[in-house]
């Protein structure tokens, strides 16, 4: 009997331990997305400069420069953002405010604040919702679809988790996202973004990772049109800074008084 017990214990150790270790080392889908959010977004209030350039068949068409001020709301885990338009000159000092998932646009010429849609086109292939700071893990329900080796923007192979995300509420920019996150680094590599009718809207690559505010972050996003691959918008991020951001900056009523610095 003692020999039988010893045999059963040995079998359990030999065959059960690898499964146990695998379970310990694996992540849930929401954990994968949360880890990739932490790569994209600093955990303290910050500002950065975003430059958008639209290309058609490789030729530059239009350019826009924004300053983004973002601060995480601790109660929801989601970001509030204030966007100041710098260029082109016709748009200088216009503002966009993200409070929760509500977006407001303020034009100093008319002194009016108008609610806008995150899905609305801003420039090229970039929508309003693409330039504000977002934690995907708070707005989407994720399912882990396994592991997949993909080619990144530089044509390098990356071993990734593939995650399918579906909108948890109706106010987000995209209804569904297919998302590839590198296993070793938690860095997002690629995304496919879909409408509610499951039409592919855009393909996104995250690239040019550099040390910014304590972590290697993507400093460039390439957005490719879901229908015509010759239509591309590049979003570049620079001038990262941690900073104190006053609470009133995230109030719609304060927009006419905003001066920025």
Foldseek 3Di string as FASTA:
>chain_A
DVVVVVVVVVVCCVPVVVVVVVVVLDDFFLVLLQLQLCQADPQFWKKWKKKKWKFFLRHTDDIWIKIKTWGADVVQRWIWIKIATPDDPVRHRWIWTQDPLWIWTADLVVRDIDTDAQQDCDDFLHGNLNPHRTRLSRFWDKHWPAWDWDQAPVRDTAIWTWMKTAGPDDRHNAGIKTWTAGSVASHTAKMFGAHPVRQTAWIKGFDDFDDDPHHTHGQKMWIAGSPDRSIIMIMGIGDMDRDDDDPCSNPPVCSNVDDDD
